[in-house]
Amino acid sequence: MATKLRLQRRGRKNHPFYQIIVADSRAPRDGKYIERIGSYNPNTNPATITLDFDRALYWMQTGAQPTDTVRNILSNEGVLLKKHLLGGVAKGAFDEAEAERRFEAWKSNKLNSEKSAMTKDAEKARAEEKARLEAEKEVNKSRAEALAKKKAEEEAANAPEEQTEETTATEDTATAEEAPATEEKIEE
């Protein structure tokens, strides 16, 4: 029986989630399968992959053919490299300890590159956030200046009216003071 390592779609509409399965090549995509060896969630950033490494390696060694996407996943997880190294051990090119040493070196190199990429992404995000905050501060500063200018103009426009009202009020009180004085003169 020809077996394939492929994805089986799960999840809701516009939000896919995939299972990595081993199935007969004649079975439908979402139909019967032999074994589930992992999952792939492309909705997260970076994509979340869980994989049973030993079972994936076993199925690759027994001749299961991966689809293109599953081949990329297995390559990123190191299954294809491990299969290649075990093939070299079987041919006598090097021993098992050398194969493990090479695989661990590859794995540590991959982890370092992933960490540096994540660090770079985090720094880029921080820089963008800082730039956005600075731009927002500038906008707020310009708005505050415009508001202060507008208030100053309103105060300047209201100030002459208040002075004229004060002068008219002063004139009214002066007239009111003169009126009783004239009344007193009339009584004398």
N, C-alpha and C. Protein backbone atom coordinates (compact mmCIF):
# COMPACT_ATOMS: atom_id res chain seq x y z
N MET A 1 0.85 -1.17 0.00
CA MET A 1 0.00 0.00 0.00
C MET A 1 0.90 1.24 0.00
N ALA A 2 0.61 2.20 -0.87
CA ALA A 2 1.38 3.44 -0.94
C ALA A 2 0.84 4.41 0.10
N THR A 3 1.73 4.87 0.97
CA THR A 3 1.32 5.81 2.03
C THR A 3 1.87 7.19 1.74
N LYS A 4 1.12 8.18 2.22
CA LYS A 4 1.53 9.57 2.06
C LYS A 4 1.46 10.28 3.41
N LEU A 5 2.37 11.18 3.60
CA LEU A 5 2.30 12.10 4.73
C LEU A 5 1.69 13.37 4.17
N ARG A 6 0.55 13.76 4.71
CA ARG A 6 -0.14 14.94 4.16
C ARG A 6 -0.93 15.66 5.23
N LEU A 7 -1.53 16.76 4.83
CA LEU A 7 -2.33 17.57 5.75
C LEU A 7 -3.79 17.22 5.62
N GLN A 8 -4.48 17.24 6.75
CA GLN A 8 -5.92 17.04 6.78
C GLN A 8 -6.52 18.29 7.38
N ARG A 9 -7.41 18.95 6.63
CA ARG A 9 -7.92 20.25 7.07
C ARG A 9 -8.96 20.10 8.16
N ARG A 10 -8.82 20.95 9.15
CA ARG A 10 -9.76 21.07 10.24
C ARG A 10 -9.99 22.56 10.46
N GLY A 11 -10.82 22.91 11.43
CA GLY A 11 -11.07 24.31 11.73
C GLY A 11 -12.27 24.84 10.99
N ARG A 12 -12.62 26.06 11.29
CA ARG A 12 -13.81 26.65 10.69
C ARG A 12 -13.46 27.39 9.39
N LYS A 13 -14.46 27.95 8.80
CA LYS A 13 -14.30 28.69 7.56
C LYS A 13 -13.36 29.88 7.77
N ASN A 14 -12.42 30.06 6.86
CA ASN A 14 -11.42 31.15 6.89
C ASN A 14 -10.50 31.09 8.11
N HIS A 15 -10.46 29.98 8.80
CA HIS A 15 -9.58 29.81 9.95
C HIS A 15 -9.11 28.36 9.99
N PRO A 16 -8.25 27.97 9.05
CA PRO A 16 -7.88 26.55 8.95
C PRO A 16 -6.90 26.11 10.03
N PHE A 17 -6.99 24.85 10.33
CA PHE A 17 -6.08 24.17 11.25
C PHE A 17 -5.86 22.80 10.63
N TYR A 18 -4.63 22.36 10.54
CA TYR A 18 -4.34 21.12 9.83
C TYR A 18 -3.74 20.08 10.76
N GLN A 19 -4.10 18.82 10.50
CA GLN A 19 -3.46 17.69 11.15
C GLN A 19 -2.48 17.09 10.16
N ILE A 20 -1.31 16.72 10.62
CA ILE A 20 -0.35 16.02 9.77
C ILE A 20 -0.61 14.53 9.98
N ILE A 21 -0.98 13.86 8.90
CA ILE A 21 -1.39 12.46 9.02
C ILE A 21 -0.62 11.57 8.06
N VAL A 22 -0.69 10.27 8.32
CA VAL A 22 -0.20 9.25 7.41
C VAL A 22 -1.44 8.56 6.89
N ALA A 23 -1.61 8.55 5.58
CA ALA A 23 -2.82 7.98 4.99
C ALA A 23 -2.48 7.20 3.74
N ASP A 24 -3.39 6.33 3.36
CA ASP A 24 -3.29 5.64 2.08
C ASP A 24 -3.40 6.71 1.00
N SER A 25 -2.60 6.61 -0.04
CA SER A 25 -2.60 7.64 -1.08
C SER A 25 -3.93 7.72 -1.81
N ARG A 26 -4.75 6.66 -1.75
CA ARG A 26 -6.04 6.66 -2.45
C ARG A 26 -7.16 7.23 -1.58
N ALA A 27 -6.92 7.46 -0.29
CA ALA A 27 -7.95 7.98 0.61
C ALA A 27 -8.19 9.46 0.35
N PRO A 28 -9.43 9.93 0.54
CA PRO A 28 -9.70 11.36 0.34
C PRO A 28 -8.98 12.22 1.39
N ARG A 29 -8.89 13.50 1.09
CA ARG A 29 -8.11 14.43 1.94
C ARG A 29 -8.55 14.39 3.39
N ASP A 30 -9.83 14.50 3.64
CA ASP A 30 -10.32 14.54 5.02
C ASP A 30 -10.92 13.20 5.44
N GLY A 31 -10.55 12.14 4.74
CA GLY A 31 -11.11 10.83 5.02
C GLY A 31 -10.29 10.03 6.02
N LYS A 32 -10.37 8.72 5.85
CA LYS A 32 -9.72 7.78 6.76
C LYS A 32 -8.19 7.92 6.69
N TYR A 33 -7.54 7.79 7.83
CA TYR A 33 -6.08 7.86 7.86
C TYR A 33 -5.53 6.78 8.78
N ILE A 34 -4.23 6.52 8.62
CA ILE A 34 -3.58 5.46 9.40
C ILE A 34 -3.15 5.98 10.76
N GLU A 35 -2.47 7.11 10.78
CA GLU A 35 -1.94 7.65 12.03
C GLU A 35 -1.83 9.16 11.94
N ARG A 36 -2.09 9.82 13.06
CA ARG A 36 -1.89 11.27 13.16
C ARG A 36 -0.55 11.48 13.83
N ILE A 37 0.34 12.23 13.16
CA ILE A 37 1.68 12.42 13.72
C ILE A 37 1.97 13.86 14.14
N GLY A 38 1.02 14.76 13.92
CA GLY A 38 1.26 16.14 14.34
C GLY A 38 0.16 17.07 13.91
N SER A 39 0.41 18.36 14.08
CA SER A 39 -0.55 19.39 13.68
C SER A 39 0.21 20.62 13.19
N TYR A 40 -0.50 21.43 12.41
CA TYR A 40 0.06 22.64 11.82
C TYR A 40 -1.00 23.73 11.89
N ASN A 41 -0.67 24.83 12.55
CA ASN A 41 -1.61 25.95 12.68
C ASN A 41 -1.00 27.18 12.02
N PRO A 42 -1.43 27.51 10.79
CA PRO A 42 -0.86 28.67 10.10
C PRO A 42 -1.43 30.01 10.56
N ASN A 43 -2.38 30.01 11.49
CA ASN A 43 -3.02 31.25 11.93
C ASN A 43 -2.19 32.04 12.92
N THR A 44 -1.21 31.41 13.54
CA THR A 44 -0.37 32.11 14.50
C THR A 44 0.86 32.66 13.79
N ASN A 45 1.54 33.60 14.45
CA ASN A 45 2.75 34.15 13.86
C ASN A 45 3.89 33.98 14.85
N PRO A 46 4.86 33.13 14.59
CA PRO A 46 5.02 32.21 13.46
C PRO A 46 4.09 31.02 13.58
N ALA A 47 3.93 30.28 12.50
CA ALA A 47 3.02 29.14 12.48
C ALA A 47 3.41 28.13 13.56
N THR A 48 2.41 27.57 14.21
CA THR A 48 2.63 26.60 15.28
C THR A 48 2.64 25.19 14.69
N ILE A 49 3.72 24.46 14.96
CA ILE A 49 3.85 23.09 14.46
C ILE A 49 4.15 22.18 15.63
N THR A 50 3.34 21.13 15.77
CA THR A 50 3.65 20.07 16.73
C THR A 50 3.85 18.81 15.91
N LEU A 51 4.88 18.06 16.23
CA LEU A 51 5.21 16.89 15.42
C LEU A 51 5.81 15.81 16.30
N ASP A 52 5.33 14.58 16.12
CA ASP A 52 5.94 13.42 16.77
C ASP A 52 7.13 13.03 15.90
N PHE A 53 8.31 13.51 16.31
CA PHE A 53 9.52 13.37 15.50
C PHE A 53 9.83 11.91 15.17
N ASP A 54 9.77 11.05 16.19
CA ASP A 54 10.14 9.64 15.99
C ASP A 54 9.19 8.94 15.01
N ARG A 55 7.90 9.21 15.15
CA ARG A 55 6.93 8.56 14.24
C ARG A 55 7.07 9.11 12.82
N ALA A 56 7.32 10.40 12.69
CA ALA A 56 7.52 10.96 11.35
C ALA A 56 8.76 10.35 10.70
N LEU A 57 9.84 10.20 11.48
CA LEU A 57 11.06 9.58 10.97
C LEU A 57 10.82 8.13 10.58
N TYR A 58 10.06 7.40 11.40
CA TYR A 58 9.74 6.01 11.10
C TYR A 58 9.00 5.91 9.77
N TRP A 59 7.97 6.75 9.59
CA TRP A 59 7.19 6.66 8.36
C TRP A 59 8.01 7.09 7.15
N MET A 60 8.90 8.05 7.31
CA MET A 60 9.78 8.44 6.20
C MET A 60 10.72 7.28 5.83
N GLN A 61 11.21 6.55 6.83
CA GLN A 61 12.12 5.43 6.56
C GLN A 61 11.39 4.24 5.94
N THR A 62 10.09 4.12 6.20
CA THR A 62 9.34 3.01 5.61
C THR A 62 8.84 3.33 4.21
N GLY A 63 9.09 4.54 3.74
CA GLY A 63 8.77 4.86 2.35
C GLY A 63 7.56 5.74 2.13
N ALA A 64 6.99 6.32 3.17
CA ALA A 64 5.86 7.23 3.00
C ALA A 64 6.34 8.49 2.28
N GLN A 65 5.56 8.94 1.31
CA GLN A 65 5.91 10.11 0.51
C GLN A 65 5.19 11.34 1.04
N PRO A 66 5.91 12.38 1.43
CA PRO A 66 5.25 13.60 1.93
C PRO A 66 4.79 14.51 0.78
N THR A 67 3.73 15.24 1.02
CA THR A 67 3.33 16.27 0.06
C THR A 67 4.31 17.44 0.18
N ASP A 68 4.20 18.40 -0.70
CA ASP A 68 5.15 19.52 -0.70
C ASP A 68 5.14 20.29 0.63
N THR A 69 3.95 20.61 1.12
CA THR A 69 3.86 21.37 2.37
C THR A 69 4.40 20.56 3.54
N VAL A 70 4.05 19.28 3.59
CA VAL A 70 4.54 18.44 4.68
C VAL A 70 6.04 18.25 4.56
N ARG A 71 6.56 18.19 3.35
CA ARG A 71 8.01 18.08 3.16
C ARG A 71 8.71 19.31 3.73
N ASN A 72 8.15 20.49 3.50
CA ASN A 72 8.72 21.72 4.06
C ASN A 72 8.68 21.70 5.59
N ILE A 73 7.57 21.23 6.15
CA ILE A 73 7.44 21.15 7.61
C ILE A 73 8.46 20.17 8.17
N LEU A 74 8.57 19.00 7.55
CA LEU A 74 9.52 17.99 8.02
C LEU A 74 10.96 18.49 7.88
N SER A 75 11.23 19.23 6.82
CA SER A 75 12.56 19.78 6.62
C SER A 75 12.89 20.79 7.71
N ASN A 76 11.94 21.67 8.02
CA ASN A 76 12.16 22.66 9.07
C ASN A 76 12.32 22.03 10.44
N GLU A 77 11.67 20.92 10.67
CA GLU A 77 11.77 20.24 11.96
C GLU A 77 13.00 19.33 12.04
N GLY A 78 13.63 19.03 10.92
CA GLY A 78 14.86 18.24 10.91
C GLY A 78 14.67 16.77 10.64
N VAL A 79 13.47 16.34 10.30
CA VAL A 79 13.21 14.92 10.04
C VAL A 79 13.96 14.46 8.79
N LEU A 80 13.95 15.26 7.75
CA LEU A 80 14.63 14.87 6.51
C LEU A 80 16.14 14.80 6.71
N LEU A 81 16.70 15.71 7.49
CA LEU A 81 18.13 15.68 7.76
C LEU A 81 18.49 14.42 8.56
N LYS A 82 17.68 14.12 9.55
CA LYS A 82 17.94 12.93 10.38
C LYS A 82 17.86 11.67 9.52
N LYS A 83 16.90 11.60 8.59
CA LYS A 83 16.79 10.45 7.68
C LYS A 83 18.04 10.35 6.82
N HIS A 84 18.48 11.49 6.33
CA HIS A 84 19.69 11.52 5.49
C HIS A 84 20.91 11.04 6.28
N LEU A 85 21.06 11.52 7.51
CA LEU A 85 22.20 11.11 8.33
C LEU A 85 22.14 9.62 8.67
N LEU A 86 20.96 9.11 8.95
CA LEU A 86 20.82 7.68 9.23
C LEU A 86 21.10 6.83 7.99
N GLY A 87 20.81 7.37 6.82
CA GLY A 87 21.19 6.70 5.57
C GLY A 87 22.70 6.62 5.43
N GLY A 88 23.41 7.69 5.83
CA GLY A 88 24.87 7.68 5.81
C GLY A 88 25.44 6.68 6.80
N VAL A 89 24.80 6.51 7.95
CA VAL A 89 25.23 5.52 8.93
C VAL A 89 25.05 4.12 8.36
N ALA A 90 23.91 3.89 7.69
CA ALA A 90 23.63 2.57 7.11
C ALA A 90 24.65 2.22 6.03
N LYS A 91 25.10 3.22 5.29
CA LYS A 91 26.09 2.99 4.23
C LYS A 91 27.50 2.90 4.78
N GLY A 92 27.70 3.29 6.03
CA GLY A 92 29.02 3.20 6.64
C GLY A 92 29.89 4.42 6.42
N ALA A 93 29.30 5.53 6.01
CA ALA A 93 30.06 6.76 5.79
C ALA A 93 30.57 7.33 7.13
N PHE A 94 29.80 7.20 8.17
CA PHE A 94 30.18 7.63 9.52
C PHE A 94 29.35 6.85 10.52
N ASP A 95 29.68 6.99 11.78
CA ASP A 95 28.97 6.20 12.80
C ASP A 95 27.80 6.98 13.39
N GLU A 96 27.05 6.31 14.25
CA GLU A 96 25.84 6.89 14.84
C GLU A 96 26.16 8.13 15.69
N ALA A 97 27.27 8.11 16.42
CA ALA A 97 27.65 9.25 17.26
C ALA A 97 27.93 10.49 16.41
N GLU A 98 28.59 10.29 15.28
CA GLU A 98 28.86 11.41 14.36
C GLU A 98 27.55 11.96 13.80
N ALA A 99 26.62 11.08 13.48
CA ALA A 99 25.31 11.51 12.96
C ALA A 99 24.59 12.35 14.01
N GLU A 100 24.60 11.91 15.25
CA GLU A 100 23.95 12.66 16.34
C GLU A 100 24.63 14.00 16.55
N ARG A 101 25.96 14.03 16.48
CA ARG A 101 26.69 15.28 16.66
C ARG A 101 26.33 16.28 15.57
N ARG A 102 26.26 15.82 14.33
CA ARG A 102 25.90 16.70 13.22
C ARG A 102 24.46 17.21 13.36
N PHE A 103 23.58 16.30 13.77
CA PHE A 103 22.18 16.70 13.92
C PHE A 103 22.02 17.74 15.04
N GLU A 104 22.70 17.53 16.16
CA GLU A 104 22.63 18.49 17.27
C GLU A 104 23.24 19.83 16.88
N ALA A 105 24.32 19.81 16.09
CA ALA A 105 24.92 21.07 15.62
C ALA A 105 23.93 21.82 14.74
N TRP A 106 23.27 21.10 13.85
CA TRP A 106 22.26 21.73 12.98
C TRP A 106 21.12 22.31 13.82
N LYS A 107 20.67 21.54 14.80
CA LYS A 107 19.56 21.94 15.65
C LYS A 107 19.90 23.21 16.44
N SER A 108 21.10 23.26 17.03
CA SER A 108 21.49 24.45 17.80
C SER A 108 21.64 25.67 16.89
N ASN A 109 22.19 25.45 15.69
CA ASN A 109 22.32 26.54 14.72
C ASN A 109 20.94 27.08 14.33
N LYS A 110 20.00 26.18 14.12
CA LYS A 110 18.64 26.58 13.74
C LYS A 110 17.98 27.35 14.88
N LEU A 111 18.15 26.89 16.11
CA LEU A 111 17.56 27.60 17.25
C LEU A 111 18.15 29.00 17.40
N ASN A 112 19.47 29.11 17.20
CA ASN A 112 20.12 30.43 17.29
C ASN A 112 19.59 31.37 16.21
N SER A 113 19.43 30.85 15.00
CA SER A 113 18.93 31.71 13.92
C SER A 113 17.49 32.11 14.18
N GLU A 114 16.67 31.21 14.73
CA GLU A 114 15.29 31.55 15.06
C GLU A 114 15.24 32.60 16.16
N LYS A 115 16.11 32.46 17.18
CA LYS A 115 16.13 33.44 18.26
C LYS A 115 16.55 34.81 17.73
N SER A 116 17.56 34.84 16.86
CA SER A 116 18.00 36.12 16.32
C SER A 116 16.90 36.74 15.46
N ALA A 117 16.19 35.91 14.71
CA ALA A 117 15.09 36.43 13.89
C ALA A 117 13.98 36.98 14.78
N MET A 118 13.66 36.27 15.86
CA MET A 118 12.62 36.74 16.77
C MET A 118 13.06 38.03 17.48
N THR A 119 14.34 38.09 17.85
CA THR A 119 14.87 39.30 18.48
C THR A 119 14.80 40.48 17.52
N LYS A 120 15.17 40.21 16.28
CA LYS A 120 15.12 41.27 15.27
C LYS A 120 13.70 41.75 15.05
N ASP A 121 12.74 40.82 15.01
CA ASP A 121 11.34 41.19 14.86
C ASP A 121 10.86 42.00 16.05
N ALA A 122 11.26 41.58 17.25
CA ALA A 122 10.85 42.30 18.46
C ALA A 122 11.44 43.71 18.47
N GLU A 123 12.71 43.85 18.08
CA GLU A 123 13.34 45.18 18.02
C GLU A 123 12.64 46.05 16.98
N LYS A 124 12.30 45.47 15.86
CA LYS A 124 11.61 46.22 14.82
C LYS A 124 10.25 46.68 15.32
N ALA A 125 9.54 45.81 16.03
CA ALA A 125 8.24 46.18 16.58
C ALA A 125 8.38 47.30 17.61
N ARG A 126 9.42 47.20 18.47
CA ARG A 126 9.66 48.26 19.46
C ARG A 126 9.99 49.58 18.77
N ALA A 127 10.80 49.52 17.72
CA ALA A 127 11.16 50.74 17.00
C ALA A 127 9.92 51.37 16.35
N GLU A 128 9.07 50.53 15.77
CA GLU A 128 7.84 51.05 15.15
C GLU A 128 6.93 51.67 16.21
N GLU A 129 6.83 51.03 17.35
CA GLU A 129 6.00 51.54 18.44
C GLU A 129 6.56 52.88 18.94
N LYS A 130 7.88 52.96 19.07
CA LYS A 130 8.50 54.21 19.52
C LYS A 130 8.28 55.32 18.50
N ALA A 131 8.42 55.00 17.22
CA ALA A 131 8.20 56.00 16.17
C ALA A 131 6.74 56.46 16.18
N ARG A 132 5.82 55.52 16.37
CA ARG A 132 4.41 55.87 16.42
C ARG A 132 4.12 56.76 17.62
N LEU A 133 4.74 56.44 18.76
CA LEU A 133 4.55 57.24 19.96
C LEU A 133 5.11 58.65 19.77
N GLU A 134 6.28 58.76 19.16
CA GLU A 134 6.87 60.09 18.90
C GLU A 134 5.98 60.90 17.96
N ALA A 135 5.47 60.25 16.92
CA ALA A 135 4.58 60.95 15.99
C ALA A 135 3.32 61.41 16.71
N GLU A 136 2.79 60.57 17.59
CA GLU A 136 1.60 60.94 18.35
C GLU A 136 1.90 62.11 19.28
N LYS A 137 3.09 62.11 19.90
CA LYS A 137 3.47 63.23 20.77
C LYS A 137 3.55 64.52 19.98
N GLU A 138 4.12 64.44 18.77
CA GLU A 138 4.21 65.65 17.93
C GLU A 138 2.82 66.16 17.56
N VAL A 139 1.93 65.25 17.21
CA VAL A 139 0.56 65.65 16.87
C VAL A 139 -0.11 66.29 18.07
N ASN A 140 0.05 65.66 19.25
CA ASN A 140 -0.55 66.23 20.46
C ASN A 140 0.03 67.60 20.79
N LYS A 141 1.35 67.75 20.58
CA LYS A 141 2.00 69.03 20.84
C LYS A 141 1.45 70.11 19.90
N SER A 142 1.32 69.77 18.62
CA SER A 142 0.80 70.76 17.67
C SER A 142 -0.65 71.09 17.98
N ARG A 143 -1.44 70.10 18.42
CA ARG A 143 -2.82 70.37 18.79
C ARG A 143 -2.88 71.28 20.02
N ALA A 144 -2.01 71.02 20.99
CA ALA A 144 -1.98 71.84 22.20
C ALA A 144 -1.58 73.28 21.86
N GLU A 145 -0.62 73.44 20.97
CA GLU A 145 -0.22 74.79 20.56
C GLU A 145 -1.36 75.49 19.84
N ALA A 146 -2.05 74.76 18.95
CA ALA A 146 -3.17 75.36 18.23
C ALA A 146 -4.29 75.73 19.20
N LEU A 147 -4.55 74.88 20.19
CA LEU A 147 -5.58 75.17 21.17
C LEU A 147 -5.19 76.38 22.03
N ALA A 148 -3.92 76.46 22.43
CA ALA A 148 -3.45 77.59 23.22
C ALA A 148 -3.56 78.88 22.40
N LYS A 149 -3.21 78.80 21.15
CA LYS A 149 -3.30 79.98 20.27
C LYS A 149 -4.76 80.42 20.13
N LYS A 150 -5.65 79.44 19.97
CA LYS A 150 -7.07 79.76 19.83
C LYS A 150 -7.61 80.39 21.10
N LYS A 151 -7.22 79.85 22.27
CA LYS A 151 -7.67 80.43 23.54
C LYS A 151 -7.15 81.84 23.71
N ALA A 152 -5.90 82.05 23.31
CA ALA A 152 -5.32 83.40 23.43
C ALA A 152 -6.08 84.38 22.53
N GLU A 153 -6.43 83.92 21.33
CA GLU A 153 -7.20 84.79 20.43
C GLU A 153 -8.57 85.09 21.00
N GLU A 154 -9.21 84.08 21.60
CA GLU A 154 -10.53 84.30 22.20
C GLU A 154 -10.43 85.26 23.38
N GLU A 155 -9.40 85.10 24.19
CA GLU A 155 -9.21 86.01 25.32
C GLU A 155 -8.95 87.43 24.84
N ALA A 156 -8.17 87.53 23.76
CA ALA A 156 -7.90 88.86 23.21
C ALA A 156 -9.18 89.47 22.64
N ALA A 157 -9.98 88.64 22.02
CA ALA A 157 -11.24 89.15 21.46
C ALA A 157 -12.22 89.51 22.58
N ASN A 158 -12.22 88.75 23.67
CA ASN A 158 -13.13 89.03 24.79
C ASN A 158 -12.64 90.17 25.68
N ALA A 159 -11.36 90.41 25.72
CA ALA A 159 -10.79 91.44 26.60
C ALA A 159 -11.31 92.84 26.28
N PRO A 160 -11.34 93.32 25.03
CA PRO A 160 -11.87 94.67 24.78
C PRO A 160 -13.35 94.80 25.15
N GLU A 161 -14.11 93.78 24.96
CA GLU A 161 -15.52 93.83 25.31
C GLU A 161 -15.67 93.98 26.82
N GLU A 162 -14.86 93.27 27.57
CA GLU A 162 -14.93 93.37 29.03
C GLU A 162 -14.52 94.76 29.48
N GLN A 163 -13.52 95.36 28.83
CA GLN A 163 -13.09 96.71 29.20
C GLN A 163 -14.19 97.71 28.90
N THR A 164 -14.85 97.56 27.78
CA THR A 164 -15.94 98.50 27.46
C THR A 164 -17.09 98.30 28.41
N GLU A 165 -17.36 97.06 28.82
CA GLU A 165 -18.43 96.82 29.78
C GLU A 165 -18.04 97.41 31.13
N GLU A 166 -16.77 97.27 31.51
CA GLU A 166 -16.32 97.83 32.78
C GLU A 166 -16.44 99.36 32.76
N THR A 167 -16.07 99.96 31.64
CA THR A 167 -16.15 101.44 31.56
C THR A 167 -17.60 101.90 31.60
N THR A 168 -18.49 101.17 30.94
CA THR A 168 -19.90 101.56 30.99
C THR A 168 -20.45 101.35 32.38
N ALA A 169 -20.00 100.27 33.05
CA ALA A 169 -20.46 100.04 34.43
C ALA A 169 -19.93 101.13 35.34
N THR A 170 -18.70 101.56 35.13
CA THR A 170 -18.12 102.63 35.93
C THR A 170 -18.88 103.92 35.69
N GLU A 171 -19.22 104.20 34.44
CA GLU A 171 -19.96 105.41 34.11
C GLU A 171 -21.34 105.38 34.75
N ASP A 172 -21.98 104.18 34.74
CA ASP A 172 -23.31 104.05 35.35
C ASP A 172 -23.23 104.33 36.85
N THR A 173 -22.21 103.81 37.53
CA THR A 173 -22.09 104.04 38.97
C THR A 173 -21.77 105.51 39.24
N ALA A 174 -20.96 106.10 38.38
CA ALA A 174 -20.64 107.53 38.57
C ALA A 174 -21.90 108.36 38.39
N THR A 175 -22.73 108.06 37.44
CA THR A 175 -23.97 108.79 37.21
C THR A 175 -24.91 108.59 38.39
N ALA A 176 -24.92 107.36 38.92
CA ALA A 176 -25.79 107.07 40.06
C ALA A 176 -25.32 107.84 41.28
N GLU A 177 -24.03 108.05 41.45
CA GLU A 177 -23.52 108.81 42.59
C GLU A 177 -23.83 110.30 42.42
N GLU A 178 -23.78 110.76 41.19
CA GLU A 178 -24.07 112.17 40.96
C GLU A 178 -25.53 112.49 41.18
N ALA A 179 -26.39 111.53 40.85
CA ALA A 179 -27.83 111.78 40.99
C ALA A 179 -28.21 112.04 42.45
N PRO A 180 -27.76 111.27 43.46
CA PRO A 180 -28.15 111.61 44.83
C PRO A 180 -27.53 112.96 45.26
N ALA A 181 -26.37 113.25 44.75
CA ALA A 181 -25.78 114.55 45.15
C ALA A 181 -26.63 115.69 44.64
N THR A 182 -27.14 115.60 43.45
CA THR A 182 -27.99 116.66 42.92
C THR A 182 -29.29 116.73 43.69
N GLU A 183 -29.80 115.59 44.14
CA GLU A 183 -31.03 115.57 44.93
C GLU A 183 -30.79 116.26 46.27
N GLU A 184 -29.63 116.04 46.86
CA GLU A 184 -29.32 116.67 48.13
C GLU A 184 -29.24 118.20 47.97
N LYS A 185 -28.69 118.65 46.87
CA LYS A 185 -28.59 120.08 46.63
C LYS A 185 -29.96 120.69 46.46
N ILE A 186 -30.83 119.92 45.84
CA ILE A 186 -32.15 120.45 45.62
C ILE A 186 -32.88 120.59 46.95
N GLU A 187 -32.72 119.74 47.87
CA GLU A 187 -33.39 119.77 49.15
C GLU A 187 -32.86 120.93 50.03
N GLU A 188 -31.67 121.32 49.87
CA GLU A 188 -31.14 122.39 50.70
C GLU A 188 -31.68 123.69 50.22
